[in-house]
C-alpha atoms as a PDB file:
ATOM      1  CA  MET A   1     111.166  93.462 130.051  1.00  0.00           C
ATOM      2  CA  LYS A   2     114.938  93.730 129.815  1.00  0.00           C
ATOM      3  CA  PHE A   3     114.614  97.581 128.990  1.00  0.00           C
ATOM      4  CA  LEU A   4     112.528  98.136 131.963  1.00  0.00           C
ATOM      5  CA  SER A   5     115.108  96.303 134.380  1.00  0.00           C
ATOM      6  CA  THR A   6     117.769  98.568 132.987  1.00  0.00           C
ATOM      7  CA  LEU A   7     115.786 101.558 133.195  1.00  0.00           C
ATOM      8  CA  ILE A   8     115.089 100.887 136.969  1.00  0.00           C
ATOM      9  CA  VAL A   9     118.826 100.112 137.825  1.00  0.00           C
ATOM     10  CA  THR A  10     119.797 103.234 136.073  1.00  0.00           C
ATOM     11  CA  PHE A  11     117.333 104.965 137.915  1.00  0.00           C
ATOM     12  CA  LEU A  12     118.258 103.720 141.318  1.00  0.00           C
ATOM     13  CA  PHE A  13     121.932 104.222 140.526  1.00  0.00           C
ATOM     14  CA  VAL A  14     121.379 108.036 139.720  1.00  0.00           C
ATOM     15  CA  SER A  15     118.934 108.649 142.390  1.00  0.00           C
ATOM     16  CA  LEU A  16     121.495 107.122 144.898  1.00  0.00           C
ATOM     17  CA  SER A  17     124.556 108.813 143.446  1.00  0.00           C
ATOM     18  CA  SER A  18     126.050 111.676 145.568  1.00  0.00           C
ATOM     19  CA  ALA A  19     125.248 114.267 142.650  1.00  0.00           C
ATOM     20  CA  TYR A  20     121.658 113.849 143.872  1.00  0.00           C
ATOM     21  CA  GLY A  21     122.048 114.619 147.457  1.00  0.00           C
ATOM     22  CA  PHE A  22     123.549 111.822 149.548  1.00  0.00           C
ATOM     23  CA  ASP A  23     121.650 111.532 153.021  1.00  0.00           C
ATOM     24  CA  PHE A  24     124.597 112.059 155.567  1.00  0.00           C
ATOM     25  CA  ASP A  25     122.017 112.154 158.258  1.00  0.00           C
ATOM     26  CA  LYS A  26     121.168 108.717 158.046  1.00  0.00           C
ATOM     27  CA  TYR A  27     124.519 107.627 159.167  1.00  0.00           C
ATOM     28  CA  LYS A  28     125.118 107.568 163.143  1.00  0.00           C
ATOM     29  CA  PRO A  29     128.385 108.309 164.354  1.00  0.00           C
ATOM     30  CA  GLY A  30     130.804 105.263 165.130  1.00  0.00           C
ATOM     31  CA  ASP A  31     134.135 104.556 166.153  1.00  0.00           C
ATOM     32  CA  LEU A  32     136.346 102.409 164.176  1.00  0.00           C
ATOM     33  CA  ASP A  33     138.487 101.158 167.405  1.00  0.00           C
ATOM     34  CA  GLN A  34     135.345 100.118 169.045  1.00  0.00           C
ATOM     35  CA  LEU A  35     134.337  97.921 165.938  1.00  0.00           C
ATOM     36  CA  LEU A  36     137.607  96.482 165.836  1.00  0.00           C
ATOM     37  CA  ALA A  37     137.262  95.316 169.195  1.00  0.00           C
ATOM     38  CA  THR A  38     134.431  93.048 168.047  1.00  0.00           C
ATOM     39  CA  PRO A  39     135.515  89.585 168.575  1.00  0.00           C
ATOM     40  CA  LYS A  40     136.576  87.863 165.282  1.00  0.00           C
ATOM     41  CA  ILE A  41     135.188  84.689 164.256  1.00  0.00           C
ATOM     42  CA  LYS A  42     137.027  81.356 163.358  1.00  0.00           C
ATOM     43  CA  SER A  43     135.511  80.696 160.034  1.00  0.00           C
ATOM     44  CA  GLY A  44     132.618  81.814 157.851  1.00  0.00           C
ATOM     45  CA  VAL A  45     130.327  84.712 158.273  1.00  0.00           C
ATOM     46  CA  LYS A  46     128.519  85.936 160.995  1.00  0.00           C
ATOM     47  CA  MET A  47     125.367  88.194 160.166  1.00  0.00           C
ATOM     48  CA  VAL A  48     124.492  91.284 161.930  1.00  0.00           C
ATOM     49  CA  VAL A  49     121.741  93.758 161.606  1.00  0.00           C
ATOM     50  CA  PRO A  50     123.115  96.343 158.974  1.00  0.00           C
ATOM     51  CA  GLN A  51     124.193  99.622 160.521  1.00  0.00           C
ATOM     52  CA  LYS A  52     124.771 102.949 158.783  1.00  0.00           C
ATOM     53  CA  LEU A  53     127.780 104.596 160.284  1.00  0.00           C
ATOM     54  CA  HIS A  54     130.029 107.685 160.000  1.00  0.00           C
ATOM     55  CA  LEU A  55     133.541 106.850 160.886  1.00  0.00           C
ATOM     56  CA  ARG A  56     136.619 109.348 160.839  1.00  0.00           C
ATOM     57  CA  ALA A  57     139.880 107.666 159.922  1.00  0.00           C
ATOM     58  CA  MET A  58     143.296 108.008 158.211  1.00  0.00           C
ATOM     59  CA  ILE A  59     144.014 106.585 154.613  1.00  0.00           C
ATOM     60  CA  ALA A  60     146.565 103.789 155.414  1.00  0.00           C
ATOM     61  CA  SER A  61     147.276 102.854 151.752  1.00  0.00           C
ATOM     62  CA  PRO A  62     146.165 103.199 148.248  1.00  0.00           C
ATOM     63  CA  LEU A  63     143.216 101.383 146.970  1.00  0.00           C
ATOM     64  CA  GLN A  64     143.496  97.938 146.022  1.00  0.00           C
ATOM     65  CA  ASN A  65     141.530  95.329 144.124  1.00  0.00           C
ATOM     66  CA  CYS A  66     139.520  92.721 146.217  1.00  0.00           C
ATOM     67  CA  ASN A  67     137.192  89.886 145.629  1.00  0.00           C
ATOM     68  CA  THR A  68     133.878  91.038 146.541  1.00  0.00           C
ATOM     69  CA  ASP A  69     131.738  87.811 145.952  1.00  0.00           C
ATOM     70  CA  ILE A  70     131.088  87.370 149.717  1.00  0.00           C
ATOM     71  CA  LEU A  71     129.984  90.860 150.107  1.00  0.00           C
ATOM     72  CA  LYS A  72     127.267  90.549 147.469  1.00  0.00           C
ATOM     73  CA  ARG A  73     126.101  87.289 148.416  1.00  0.00           C
ATOM     74  CA  THR A  74     125.722  88.667 151.963  1.00  0.00           C
ATOM     75  CA  MET A  75     124.092  91.691 150.845  1.00  0.00           C
ATOM     76  CA  ILE A  76     121.635  89.648 148.826  1.00  0.00           C
ATOM     77  CA  MET A  77     120.985  87.429 151.800  1.00  0.00           C
ATOM     78  CA  GLN A  78     120.106  90.557 154.002  1.00  0.00           C
ATOM     79  CA  GLY A  79     117.402  91.465 151.725  1.00  0.00           C
ATOM     80  CA  SER A  80     118.984  93.816 149.020  1.00  0.00           C
ATOM     81  CA  ASN A  81     117.764  93.406 145.472  1.00  0.00           C
ATOM     82  CA  LYS A  82     119.739  90.626 143.953  1.00  0.00           C
ATOM     83  CA  GLU A  83     119.477  92.450 140.343  1.00  0.00           C
ATOM     84  CA  VAL A  84     120.782  95.694 141.799  1.00  0.00           C
ATOM     85  CA  VAL A  85     123.526  94.122 143.786  1.00  0.00           C
ATOM     86  CA  GLU A  86     124.839  91.984 140.793  1.00  0.00           C
ATOM     87  CA  LYS A  87     124.973  94.914 138.728  1.00  0.00           C
ATOM     88  CA  MET A  88     127.011  97.100 141.430  1.00  0.00           C
ATOM     89  CA  ALA A  89     130.431  98.181 140.592  1.00  0.00           C
ATOM     90  CA  LEU A  90     132.368  96.582 143.559  1.00  0.00           C
ATOM     91  CA  THR A  91     135.853  95.952 143.011  1.00  0.00           C
ATOM     92  CA  LYS A  92     138.013  97.849 145.550  1.00  0.00           C
ATOM     93  CA  CYS A  93     138.895  97.993 149.111  1.00  0.00           C
ATOM     94  CA  LEU A  94     140.669 100.739 151.173  1.00  0.00           C
ATOM     95  CA  LYS A  95     142.805 100.363 154.318  1.00  0.00           C
ATOM     96  CA  LEU A  96     141.979 102.806 157.058  1.00  0.00           C
ATOM     97  CA  ARG A  97     143.945 103.590 160.191  1.00  0.00           C
ATOM     98  CA  SER A  98     141.929 104.180 163.306  1.00  0.00           C
ATOM     99  CA  ALA A  99     142.814 106.755 165.856  1.00  0.00           C
ATOM    100  CA  LYS A 100     144.646 104.219 168.093  1.00  0.00           C
ATOM    101  CA  GLY A 101     146.747 103.070 164.949  1.00  0.00           C
ATOM    102  CA  ALA A 102     144.986  99.794 164.001  1.00  0.00           C
ATOM    103  CA  THR A 103     144.409  99.304 160.318  1.00  0.00           C
ATOM    104  CA  HIS A 104     141.477  97.637 158.678  1.00  0.00           C
ATOM    105  CA  LEU A 105     140.468  96.959 155.069  1.00  0.00           C
ATOM    106  CA  LEU A 106     136.933  98.318 154.121  1.00  0.00           C
ATOM    107  CA  TYR A 107     135.069  97.732 150.806  1.00  0.00           C
ATOM    108  CA  ILE A 108     134.291 100.911 148.783  1.00  0.00           C
ATOM    109  CA  GLU A 109     132.150 101.237 145.974  1.00  0.00           C
ATOM    110  CA  ASP A 110     134.004 101.959 142.541  1.00  0.00           C
ATOM    111  CA  ILE A 111     132.497 105.176 141.914  1.00  0.00           C
ATOM    112  CA  ILE A 112     133.283 106.439 145.152  1.00  0.00           C
ATOM    113  CA  ALA A 113     136.722 104.851 144.939  1.00  0.00           C
ATOM    114  CA  ASP A 114     137.439 106.680 141.724  1.00  0.00           C
ATOM    115  CA  ARG A 115     136.664 110.112 143.194  1.00  0.00           C
ATOM    116  CA  LEU A 116     138.656 109.331 146.366  1.00  0.00           C
ATOM    117  CA  THR A 117     141.931 108.643 144.430  1.00  0.00           C
ATOM    118  CA  ARG A 118     141.589 112.107 142.896  1.00  0.00           C
ATOM    119  CA  GLU A 119     140.616 113.862 146.087  1.00  0.00           C
ATOM    120  CA  VAL A 120     142.555 112.166 148.905  1.00  0.00           C
ATOM    121  CA  LYS A 121     146.083 110.767 149.508  1.00  0.00           C
ATOM    122  CA  PRO A 122     147.321 108.238 151.924  1.00  0.00           C
ATOM    123  CA  GLY A 123     148.030 109.848 155.241  1.00  0.00           C
ATOM    124  CA  GLN A 124     145.068 111.956 154.976  1.00  0.00           C
ATOM    125  CA  VAL A 125     141.996 112.154 157.507  1.00  0.00           C
ATOM    126  CA  VAL A 126     138.556 111.641 155.963  1.00  0.00           C
ATOM    127  CA  ASP A 127     135.107 110.982 157.171  1.00  0.00           C
ATOM    128  CA  VAL A 128     133.698 107.709 155.692  1.00  0.00           C
ATOM    129  CA  PHE A 129     130.198 106.855 155.485  1.00  0.00           C
ATOM    130  CA  CYS A 130     129.883 103.189 155.497  1.00  0.00           C
ATOM    131  CA  GLU A 131     127.392 100.313 156.004  1.00  0.00           C
ATOM    132  CA  TYR A 132     128.308  97.680 158.709  1.00  0.00           C
ATOM    133  CA  LEU A 133     127.113  94.232 157.084  1.00  0.00           C
ATOM    134  CA  PHE A 134     128.742  91.318 158.952  1.00  0.00           C
ATOM    135  CA  ILE A 135     131.750  89.952 160.652  1.00  0.00           C
ATOM    136  CA  ASN A 136     134.254  87.526 159.121  1.00  0.00           C
ATOM    137  CA  THR A 137     137.482  86.113 160.117  1.00  0.00           C
ATOM    138  CA  ALA A 138     139.140  89.423 159.425  1.00  0.00           C
ATOM    139  CA  GLY A 139     136.726  91.172 161.742  1.00  0.00           C
ATOM    140  CA  PRO A 140     133.777  93.610 160.861  1.00  0.00           C
ATOM    141  CA  THR A 141     133.034  94.036 157.264  1.00  0.00           C
ATOM    142  CA  LEU A 142     132.043  97.598 156.064  1.00  0.00           C
ATOM    143  CA  LEU A 143     131.147  98.939 152.575  1.00  0.00           C
ATOM    144  CA  ILE A 144     132.017 102.776 152.045  1.00  0.00           C
ATOM    145  CA  HIS A 145     129.258 104.637 150.067  1.00  0.00           C
ATOM    146  CA  GLU A 146     130.493 108.148 150.478  1.00  0.00           C
ATOM    147  CA  PHE A 147     133.304 110.312 152.170  1.00  0.00           C
ATOM    148  CA  LYS A 148     134.118 113.916 153.015  1.00  0.00           C
ATOM    149  CA  THR A 149     137.462 115.381 153.157  1.00  0.00           C
ATOM    150  CA  MET A 150     138.616 117.074 156.305  1.00  0.00           C
ATOM    151  CA  LYS A 151     139.109 120.854 155.568  1.00  0.00           C
END
């Protein structure tokens, strides 16, 4: 049974990786400044209907380590497979700067973060493909699944 679970998780990881064709078309255009205008909450987490968004922003600082416990718990509460979520490598965050100059911290999958550090430097503009999952005291919470550099 453990082998089957490992096989399924491995298959999902490989099939969802960018090497096998990330589906950019599933992500609708969004605006980071509009998202940041969303009223913050005083405490806890406010669930939203998850949305796949394509945002353009500037890398404001290098990657940093982040506590992703609340992110993973919320993903499970929203219906993601608990086993898959718990095995996801999610330990990093990335600060982005919006067109109007506001900064915001977004979670990023570790495998994407590793590639991003090789390809992009702070100050560079990128397109990020992320999922808007919930609102907390810091504002909207987004998880980056992929990125494209600006040519």
